[in-house]
C-alpha atoms as a PDB file:
ATOM      1  CA  UNK A   1      82.465  84.155 112.524  1.00  0.00           C
ATOM      2  CA  UNK A   2      82.097  81.879 109.504  1.00  0.00           C
ATOM      3  CA  UNK A   3      82.831  83.149 106.009  1.00  0.00           C
ATOM      4  CA  UNK A   4      82.739  81.499 102.608  1.00  0.00           C
ATOM      5  CA  UNK A   5      86.406  81.286 101.604  1.00  0.00           C
ATOM      6  CA  UNK A   6      87.592  80.491  98.109  1.00  0.00           C
ATOM      7  CA  UNK A   7      91.115  79.461  97.107  1.00  0.00           C
ATOM      8  CA  UNK A   8      92.492  81.949  94.563  1.00  0.00           C
ATOM      9  CA  UNK A   9      96.173  82.166  93.549  1.00  0.00           C
ATOM     10  CA  UNK A  10      98.224  85.352  93.720  1.00  0.00           C
ATOM     11  CA  UNK A  11      98.251  86.749  90.163  1.00  0.00           C
ATOM     12  CA  UNK A  12     101.635  88.494  90.038  1.00  0.00           C
ATOM     13  CA  UNK A  13     105.063  87.080  90.852  1.00  0.00           C
ATOM     14  CA  UNK A  14     106.140  90.454  92.264  1.00  0.00           C
ATOM     15  CA  UNK A  15     103.567  90.064  95.007  1.00  0.00           C
ATOM     16  CA  UNK A  16     105.744  87.454  96.693  1.00  0.00           C
ATOM     17  CA  UNK A  17     108.514  90.049  97.000  1.00  0.00           C
ATOM     18  CA  UNK A  18     106.077  92.597  98.407  1.00  0.00           C
ATOM     19  CA  UNK A  19     104.723  90.045 100.879  1.00  0.00           C
ATOM     20  CA  UNK A  20     108.254  89.116 101.927  1.00  0.00           C
ATOM     21  CA  UNK A  21     109.204  92.766 102.531  1.00  0.00           C
ATOM     22  CA  UNK A  22     106.155  93.372 104.708  1.00  0.00           C
ATOM     23  CA  UNK A  23     106.579  90.055 106.484  1.00  0.00           C
ATOM     24  CA  UNK A  24     110.102  90.997 107.526  1.00  0.00           C
ATOM     25  CA  UNK A  25     108.756  94.287 108.903  1.00  0.00           C
ATOM     26  CA  UNK A  26     105.896  92.802 110.933  1.00  0.00           C
ATOM     27  CA  UNK A  27     107.755  93.187 114.242  1.00  0.00           C
ATOM     28  CA  UNK A  28     108.848  96.784 113.597  1.00  0.00           C
ATOM     29  CA  UNK A  29     105.828  98.112 111.691  1.00  0.00           C
ATOM     30  CA  UNK A  30     103.895  99.725 114.535  1.00  0.00           C
ATOM     31  CA  UNK A  31     106.841 101.796 115.746  1.00  0.00           C
ATOM     32  CA  UNK A  32     107.354 103.312 112.268  1.00  0.00           C
ATOM     33  CA  UNK A  33     103.756 103.731 111.043  1.00  0.00           C
ATOM     34  CA  UNK A  34     102.802 107.255 112.142  1.00  0.00           C
ATOM     35  CA  UNK A  35     101.902 108.268 108.591  1.00  0.00           C
ATOM     36  CA  UNK A  36      99.879 105.093 108.019  1.00  0.00           C
ATOM     37  CA  UNK A  37      97.902 105.743 111.216  1.00  0.00           C
ATOM     38  CA  UNK A  38      97.245 109.337 110.180  1.00  0.00           C
ATOM     39  CA  UNK A  39      95.866 108.323 106.777  1.00  0.00           C
ATOM     40  CA  UNK A  40      93.859 105.409 108.158  1.00  0.00           C
ATOM     41  CA  UNK A  41      92.335 107.624 110.849  1.00  0.00           C
ATOM     42  CA  UNK A  42      91.184 110.100 108.205  1.00  0.00           C
ATOM     43  CA  UNK A  43      89.679 107.245 106.200  1.00  0.00           C
ATOM     44  CA  UNK A  44      87.987 105.773 109.261  1.00  0.00           C
ATOM     45  CA  UNK A  45      86.132 109.043 109.809  1.00  0.00           C
ATOM     46  CA  UNK A  46      84.421 108.610 106.423  1.00  0.00           C
ATOM     47  CA  UNK A  47      82.737 105.329 107.411  1.00  0.00           C
ATOM     48  CA  UNK A  48      79.076 105.329 108.478  1.00  0.00           C
ATOM     49  CA  UNK A  49      78.566 106.138 112.155  1.00  0.00           C
ATOM     50  CA  UNK A  50      76.750 102.866 112.785  1.00  0.00           C
ATOM     51  CA  UNK A  51      78.614  99.752 111.662  1.00  0.00           C
ATOM     52  CA  UNK A  52      77.427  97.573 114.527  1.00  0.00           C
ATOM     53  CA  UNK A  53      76.872  94.018 113.301  1.00  0.00           C
ATOM     54  CA  UNK A  54      78.260  94.793 109.844  1.00  0.00           C
ATOM     55  CA  UNK A  55      80.859  92.554 108.201  1.00  0.00           C
ATOM     56  CA  UNK A  56      83.829  94.742 107.287  1.00  0.00           C
ATOM     57  CA  UNK A  57      86.733  93.585 105.139  1.00  0.00           C
ATOM     58  CA  UNK A  58      89.972  95.249 106.279  1.00  0.00           C
ATOM     59  CA  UNK A  59      91.984  94.773 103.108  1.00  0.00           C
ATOM     60  CA  UNK A  60      95.715  95.118 103.678  1.00  0.00           C
ATOM     61  CA  UNK A  61      95.140  95.011 107.420  1.00  0.00           C
ATOM     62  CA  UNK A  62      98.800  94.979 108.429  1.00  0.00           C
ATOM     63  CA  UNK A  63      99.167  94.492 112.166  1.00  0.00           C
ATOM     64  CA  UNK A  64      95.448  95.013 112.794  1.00  0.00           C
ATOM     65  CA  UNK A  65      95.503  98.546 114.204  1.00  0.00           C
ATOM     66  CA  UNK A  66      92.358  99.619 112.353  1.00  0.00           C
ATOM     67  CA  UNK A  67      90.751  96.189 112.549  1.00  0.00           C
ATOM     68  CA  UNK A  68      90.742  96.617 116.339  1.00  0.00           C
ATOM     69  CA  UNK A  69      89.061 100.025 116.010  1.00  0.00           C
ATOM     70  CA  UNK A  70      86.463  98.632 113.612  1.00  0.00           C
ATOM     71  CA  UNK A  71      85.645  95.869 116.053  1.00  0.00           C
ATOM     72  CA  UNK A  72      85.334  98.396 118.897  1.00  0.00           C
ATOM     73  CA  UNK A  73      82.508  99.914 116.854  1.00  0.00           C
ATOM     74  CA  UNK A  74      80.721  96.569 116.744  1.00  0.00           C
ATOM     75  CA  UNK A  75      81.814  95.279 113.349  1.00  0.00           C
ATOM     76  CA  UNK A  76      82.676  91.707 112.451  1.00  0.00           C
ATOM     77  CA  UNK A  77      86.060  92.105 110.789  1.00  0.00           C
ATOM     78  CA  UNK A  78      87.791  90.065 108.101  1.00  0.00           C
ATOM     79  CA  UNK A  79      91.516  90.831 108.209  1.00  0.00           C
ATOM     80  CA  UNK A  80      93.073  90.171 104.814  1.00  0.00           C
ATOM     81  CA  UNK A  81      96.733  90.687 103.978  1.00  0.00           C
ATOM     82  CA  UNK A  82      99.434  89.436 101.590  1.00  0.00           C
ATOM     83  CA  UNK A  83     101.734  88.687 104.506  1.00  0.00           C
ATOM     84  CA  UNK A  84     101.151  85.813 106.907  1.00  0.00           C
ATOM     85  CA  UNK A  85     103.454  87.496 109.421  1.00  0.00           C
ATOM     86  CA  UNK A  86     101.281  90.628 109.362  1.00  0.00           C
ATOM     87  CA  UNK A  87      98.177  88.490 109.884  1.00  0.00           C
ATOM     88  CA  UNK A  88      99.870  86.820 112.838  1.00  0.00           C
ATOM     89  CA  UNK A  89     100.540  90.230 114.400  1.00  0.00           C
ATOM     90  CA  UNK A  90      96.922  91.246 113.753  1.00  0.00           C
ATOM     91  CA  UNK A  91      95.737  88.097 115.513  1.00  0.00           C
ATOM     92  CA  UNK A  92      98.003  88.886 118.484  1.00  0.00           C
ATOM     93  CA  UNK A  93      96.429  92.354 118.709  1.00  0.00           C
ATOM     94  CA  UNK A  94      92.792  91.454 118.080  1.00  0.00           C
ATOM     95  CA  UNK A  95      92.268  87.819 119.111  1.00  0.00           C
ATOM     96  CA  UNK A  96      89.425  85.842 117.571  1.00  0.00           C
ATOM     97  CA  UNK A  97      86.179  87.349 118.828  1.00  0.00           C
ATOM     98  CA  UNK A  98      84.323  88.947 115.890  1.00  0.00           C
ATOM     99  CA  UNK A  99      87.482  88.427 113.810  1.00  0.00           C
ATOM    100  CA  UNK A 100      88.484  86.308 110.825  1.00  0.00           C
ATOM    101  CA  UNK A 101      91.976  86.156 109.270  1.00  0.00           C
ATOM    102  CA  UNK A 102      92.598  85.451 105.604  1.00  0.00           C
ATOM    103  CA  UNK A 103      95.803  85.405 103.598  1.00  0.00           C
ATOM    104  CA  UNK A 104      94.997  86.921 100.221  1.00  0.00           C
ATOM    105  CA  UNK A 105      95.645  89.414  97.469  1.00  0.00           C
ATOM    106  CA  UNK A 106      93.484  92.436  96.657  1.00  0.00           C
ATOM    107  CA  UNK A 107      93.590  91.570  92.956  1.00  0.00           C
ATOM    108  CA  UNK A 108      92.072  88.136  93.527  1.00  0.00           C
ATOM    109  CA  UNK A 109      90.181  88.194  96.809  1.00  0.00           C
ATOM    110  CA  UNK A 110      89.641  84.804  98.486  1.00  0.00           C
ATOM    111  CA  UNK A 111      86.063  85.692  99.473  1.00  0.00           C
ATOM    112  CA  UNK A 112      82.656  84.812  98.109  1.00  0.00           C
ATOM    113  CA  UNK A 113      80.696  87.349  96.082  1.00  0.00           C
ATOM    114  CA  UNK A 114      78.367  89.636  98.040  1.00  0.00           C
ATOM    115  CA  UNK A 115      79.761  88.450 101.372  1.00  0.00           C
ATOM    116  CA  UNK A 116      80.732  91.723 103.112  1.00  0.00           C
ATOM    117  CA  UNK A 117      78.892  94.933 103.984  1.00  0.00           C
ATOM    118  CA  UNK A 118      81.838  97.348 103.813  1.00  0.00           C
ATOM    119  CA  UNK A 119      85.425  97.349 102.556  1.00  0.00           C
ATOM    120  CA  UNK A 120      88.093  99.369 104.369  1.00  0.00           C
ATOM    121  CA  UNK A 121      91.495  99.487 102.666  1.00  0.00           C
ATOM    122  CA  UNK A 122      94.116 102.003 103.707  1.00  0.00           C
ATOM    123  CA  UNK A 123      97.414 102.379 101.838  1.00  0.00           C
ATOM    124  CA  UNK A 124      97.402  98.906 100.327  1.00  0.00           C
ATOM    125  CA  UNK A 125      96.204  99.430  96.765  1.00  0.00           C
ATOM    126  CA  UNK A 126      99.390 101.142  95.587  1.00  0.00           C
ATOM    127  CA  UNK A 127     100.995  97.689  95.615  1.00  0.00           C
ATOM    128  CA  UNK A 128      98.607  96.458  92.905  1.00  0.00           C
ATOM    129  CA  UNK A 129      99.680  96.409  89.282  1.00  0.00           C
ATOM    130  CA  UNK A 130      96.300  97.451  87.863  1.00  0.00           C
ATOM    131  CA  UNK A 131      94.107  99.456  90.235  1.00  0.00           C
ATOM    132  CA  UNK A 132      90.934  98.598  88.346  1.00  0.00           C
ATOM    133  CA  UNK A 133      91.344  94.915  89.267  1.00  0.00           C
ATOM    134  CA  UNK A 134      91.207  95.281  93.083  1.00  0.00           C
ATOM    135  CA  UNK A 135      88.361  97.752  92.642  1.00  0.00           C
ATOM    136  CA  UNK A 136      86.447  95.116  90.656  1.00  0.00           C
ATOM    137  CA  UNK A 137      87.226  92.531  93.318  1.00  0.00           C
ATOM    138  CA  UNK A 138      86.056  94.777  96.139  1.00  0.00           C
ATOM    139  CA  UNK A 139      82.833  95.445  94.252  1.00  0.00           C
ATOM    140  CA  UNK A 140      82.379  91.721  93.701  1.00  0.00           C
ATOM    141  CA  UNK A 141      82.568  90.775  97.380  1.00  0.00           C
ATOM    142  CA  UNK A 142      80.379  93.676  98.473  1.00  0.00           C
ATOM    143  CA  UNK A 143      76.704  93.233  99.247  1.00  0.00           C
ATOM    144  CA  UNK A 144      74.160  95.492  97.515  1.00  0.00           C
ATOM    145  CA  UNK A 145      74.030  98.984  99.059  1.00  0.00           C
ATOM    146  CA  UNK A 146      77.521  98.485 100.532  1.00  0.00           C
ATOM    147  CA  UNK A 147      80.442 100.885 100.412  1.00  0.00           C
ATOM    148  CA  UNK A 148      84.166 100.832  99.668  1.00  0.00           C
ATOM    149  CA  UNK A 149      86.498 103.125 101.615  1.00  0.00           C
ATOM    150  CA  UNK A 150      90.053 103.237 100.333  1.00  0.00           C
ATOM    151  CA  UNK A 151      93.194 105.316 100.498  1.00  0.00           C
ATOM    152  CA  UNK A 152      96.207 105.158  98.231  1.00  0.00           C
ATOM    153  CA  UNK A 153      99.243 107.240  97.336  1.00  0.00           C
ATOM    154  CA  UNK A 154      99.383 109.499  94.302  1.00  0.00           C
ATOM    155  CA  UNK A 155     102.077 110.634  91.914  1.00  0.00           C
ATOM    156  CA  UNK A 156     104.297 113.189  93.639  1.00  0.00           C
ATOM    157  CA  UNK A 157     104.550 111.297  96.919  1.00  0.00           C
ATOM    158  CA  UNK A 158     108.062 111.253  98.398  1.00  0.00           C
ATOM    159  CA  UNK A 159     109.174 113.726  95.740  1.00  0.00           C
ATOM    160  CA  UNK A 160     111.996 114.991  97.951  1.00  0.00           C
ATOM    161  CA  UNK A 161     113.450 111.517  98.377  1.00  0.00           C
ATOM    162  CA  UNK A 162     113.127 110.820  94.666  1.00  0.00           C
ATOM    163  CA  UNK A 163     114.928 114.080  93.806  1.00  0.00           C
ATOM    164  CA  UNK A 164     117.702 113.440  96.320  1.00  0.00           C
ATOM    165  CA  UNK A 165     118.349 109.948  94.919  1.00  0.00           C
ATOM    166  CA  UNK A 166     118.351 111.299  91.356  1.00  0.00           C
ATOM    167  CA  UNK A 167     121.522 113.191  92.205  1.00  0.00           C
ATOM    168  CA  UNK A 168     123.230 109.953  93.248  1.00  0.00           C
ATOM    169  CA  UNK A 169     122.435 107.445  90.480  1.00  0.00           C
ATOM    170  CA  UNK A 170     120.084 106.624  87.628  1.00  0.00           C
ATOM    171  CA  UNK A 171     118.248 103.758  89.357  1.00  0.00           C
ATOM    172  CA  UNK A 172     114.733 103.841  90.769  1.00  0.00           C
ATOM    173  CA  UNK A 173     114.642 104.140  94.557  1.00  0.00           C
ATOM    174  CA  UNK A 174     111.049 105.355  95.027  1.00  0.00           C
ATOM    175  CA  UNK A 175     108.018 103.532  93.673  1.00  0.00           C
ATOM    176  CA  UNK A 176     105.853 105.150  91.014  1.00  0.00           C
ATOM    177  CA  UNK A 177     102.303 105.990  92.041  1.00  0.00           C
ATOM    178  CA  UNK A 178      99.107 106.605  90.082  1.00  0.00           C
ATOM    179  CA  UNK A 179      98.040 110.046  88.951  1.00  0.00           C
ATOM    180  CA  UNK A 180      94.559 111.222  89.838  1.00  0.00           C
ATOM    181  CA  UNK A 181      93.563 110.771  86.191  1.00  0.00           C
ATOM    182  CA  UNK A 182      94.696 107.136  86.357  1.00  0.00           C
ATOM    183  CA  UNK A 183      92.647 106.690  89.542  1.00  0.00           C
ATOM    184  CA  UNK A 184      89.562 108.006  87.756  1.00  0.00           C
ATOM    185  CA  UNK A 185      90.189 105.758  84.748  1.00  0.00           C
ATOM    186  CA  UNK A 186      90.505 102.732  87.052  1.00  0.00           C
ATOM    187  CA  UNK A 187      87.260 103.697  88.773  1.00  0.00           C
ATOM    188  CA  UNK A 188      85.516 103.894  85.401  1.00  0.00           C
ATOM    189  CA  UNK A 189      87.003 100.571  84.247  1.00  0.00           C
ATOM    190  CA  UNK A 190      85.766  98.872  87.421  1.00  0.00           C
ATOM    191  CA  UNK A 191      82.235 100.208  86.925  1.00  0.00           C
ATOM    192  CA  UNK A 192      82.480 102.566  89.887  1.00  0.00           C
ATOM    193  CA  UNK A 193      80.618 105.683  88.812  1.00  0.00           C
ATOM    194  CA  UNK A 194      79.281 106.852  92.186  1.00  0.00           C
ATOM    195  CA  UNK A 195      82.262 107.997  94.231  1.00  0.00           C
ATOM    196  CA  UNK A 196      83.866 110.893  96.084  1.00  0.00           C
ATOM    197  CA  UNK A 197      87.594 111.626  96.250  1.00  0.00           C
ATOM    198  CA  UNK A 198      89.499 113.785  98.715  1.00  0.00           C
ATOM    199  CA  UNK A 199      93.112 114.630  97.855  1.00  0.00           C
ATOM    200  CA  UNK A 200      95.035 115.858 100.901  1.00  0.00           C
ATOM    201  CA  UNK A 201      98.732 116.605 100.948  1.00  0.00           C
ATOM    202  CA  UNK A 202     100.316 115.303 104.150  1.00  0.00           C
ATOM    203  CA  UNK A 203     103.843 116.282 105.162  1.00  0.00           C
ATOM    204  CA  UNK A 204     105.855 114.579 107.877  1.00  0.00           C
ATOM    205  CA  UNK A 205     108.999 116.212 109.254  1.00  0.00           C
ATOM    206  CA  UNK A 206     112.160 114.348 110.162  1.00  0.00           C
ATOM    207  CA  UNK A 207     115.496 115.239 111.679  1.00  0.00           C
ATOM    208  CA  UNK A 208     117.238 113.517 108.758  1.00  0.00           C
ATOM    209  CA  UNK A 209     116.664 111.648 105.523  1.00  0.00           C
ATOM    210  CA  UNK A 210     118.063 108.588 107.321  1.00  0.00           C
ATOM    211  CA  UNK A 211     115.104 108.774 109.723  1.00  0.00           C
ATOM    212  CA  UNK A 212     112.646 108.816 106.828  1.00  0.00           C
ATOM    213  CA  UNK A 213     114.325 105.861 105.128  1.00  0.00           C
ATOM    214  CA  UNK A 214     114.375 104.008 108.456  1.00  0.00           C
ATOM    215  CA  UNK A 215     110.607 104.475 108.712  1.00  0.00           C
ATOM    216  CA  UNK A 216     110.079 103.223 105.158  1.00  0.00           C
ATOM    217  CA  UNK A 217     112.153 100.131 105.880  1.00  0.00           C
ATOM    218  CA  UNK A 218     110.464  99.690 109.258  1.00  0.00           C
ATOM    219  CA  UNK A 219     106.987  99.434 107.718  1.00  0.00           C
ATOM    220  CA  UNK A 220     108.146  97.143 104.910  1.00  0.00           C
ATOM    221  CA  UNK A 221     107.861  99.670 102.091  1.00  0.00           C
ATOM    222  CA  UNK A 222     111.356  98.764 100.937  1.00  0.00           C
ATOM    223  CA  UNK A 223     110.389  96.855  97.808  1.00  0.00           C
ATOM    224  CA  UNK A 224     110.808  99.086  94.755  1.00  0.00           C
ATOM    225  CA  UNK A 225     109.739  97.677  91.402  1.00  0.00           C
ATOM    226  CA  UNK A 226     112.550  97.919  88.861  1.00  0.00           C
ATOM    227  CA  UNK A 227     115.233  98.859  91.376  1.00  0.00           C
ATOM    228  CA  UNK A 228     118.836  97.770  90.947  1.00  0.00           C
ATOM    229  CA  UNK A 229     119.532  94.679  93.048  1.00  0.00           C
ATOM    230  CA  UNK A 230     122.960  95.964  94.082  1.00  0.00           C
ATOM    231  CA  UNK A 231     123.755  96.849  97.659  1.00  0.00           C
ATOM    232  CA  UNK A 232     123.309 100.432  98.836  1.00  0.00           C
ATOM    233  CA  UNK A 233     126.547 101.563 100.434  1.00  0.00           C
ATOM    234  CA  UNK A 234     126.875 103.808 103.459  1.00  0.00           C
ATOM    235  CA  UNK A 235     128.593 106.435 101.323  1.00  0.00           C
ATOM    236  CA  UNK A 236     125.622 106.463  98.932  1.00  0.00           C
ATOM    237  CA  UNK A 237     123.246 107.003 101.846  1.00  0.00           C
ATOM    238  CA  UNK A 238     125.451 109.807 103.121  1.00  0.00           C
ATOM    239  CA  UNK A 239     125.287 111.393  99.676  1.00  0.00           C
ATOM    240  CA  UNK A 240     121.494 111.129  99.711  1.00  0.00           C
ATOM    241  CA  UNK A 241     121.467 112.755 103.135  1.00  0.00           C
ATOM    242  CA  UNK A 242     123.566 115.621 101.800  1.00  0.00           C
ATOM    243  CA  UNK A 243     121.345 116.047  98.727  1.00  0.00           C
ATOM    244  CA  UNK A 244     118.262 116.088 100.969  1.00  0.00           C
ATOM    245  CA  UNK A 245     119.570 119.104 102.898  1.00  0.00           C
ATOM    246  CA  UNK A 246     118.187 121.511 100.284  1.00  0.00           C
ATOM    247  CA  UNK A 247     114.717 120.789 101.710  1.00  0.00           C
ATOM    248  CA  UNK A 248     115.632 121.481 105.355  1.00  0.00           C
ATOM    249  CA  UNK A 249     113.462 124.131 107.045  1.00  0.00           C
ATOM    250  CA  UNK A 250     114.415 126.835 109.536  1.00  0.00           C
ATOM    251  CA  UNK A 251     113.884 124.391 112.411  1.00  0.00           C
ATOM    252  CA  UNK A 252     116.456 122.019 110.950  1.00  0.00           C
ATOM    253  CA  UNK A 253     113.881 119.420 109.860  1.00  0.00           C
ATOM    254  CA  UNK A 254     113.456 117.807 106.445  1.00  0.00           C
ATOM    255  CA  UNK A 255     110.065 116.966 104.878  1.00  0.00           C
ATOM    256  CA  UNK A 256     108.537 113.830 103.467  1.00  0.00           C
ATOM    257  CA  UNK A 257     105.546 114.900 101.409  1.00  0.00           C
ATOM    258  CA  UNK A 258     102.774 112.500 100.495  1.00  0.00           C
ATOM    259  CA  UNK A 259      99.981 113.058  97.984  1.00  0.00           C
ATOM    260  CA  UNK A 260      97.047 111.006  99.232  1.00  0.00           C
ATOM    261  CA  UNK A 261      93.765 109.910  97.686  1.00  0.00           C
ATOM    262  CA  UNK A 262      90.901 109.123 100.070  1.00  0.00           C
ATOM    263  CA  UNK A 263      88.083 107.491  98.150  1.00  0.00           C
ATOM    264  CA  UNK A 264      84.531 106.436  98.907  1.00  0.00           C
ATOM    265  CA  UNK A 265      82.641 104.261  96.422  1.00  0.00           C
ATOM    266  CA  UNK A 266      78.897 103.717  96.835  1.00  0.00           C
ATOM    267  CA  UNK A 267      77.282 100.663  95.285  1.00  0.00           C
END
């Protein structure tokens, strides 16, 4: 599958740190990505029933789990990710038939204007500094009458982990996420005025806070903007575990609550 590819630079220095974190997690990602699969599956259900022969950009494709499902439905898929290691894993999963692999950043997509029929992007946009910019870019590469299907995290996600860490020190250990009002402002700034948003709350249950933090590290979501660069000691983690116990339910499990935005933009 041939695509017009342009050479755009990554616009933010922090993106290299994000790419490095996800690259290191490429081998472990699939075994820790239950939440990511749940959200992506919900988003996949919003796509048109018939995408046979359509060119679909999977933006932030990770290891290619959803790219493979899109291809099963007959789509020609462009896998785009910040991390070369993630793209390599996607290629291992999907091969080359009806597939194209492109290293790139959502805020400066290395694709020609009006070159794709649909954009699918699940849980990637929260790593962008200004949400309106990737939305503009997705609109730019989309053909007329196309659609953008995205999911991202909202303010309030991982509130239990944030509260537990706040007992331990003053540093930031959980990334900040957009509010729904900020999402709507970004949509307006990008010229996206025909859209629908669904805002589910999804809770995963763990046997310990350690298990949650292991999952976050395992998928590469370990980069926290503004975090102290000092080492996290075992005693600190034990203190977080103890602070997390206030959320434990009658079954002895602790929650990780995510506020999710599922969005559909029609062009």
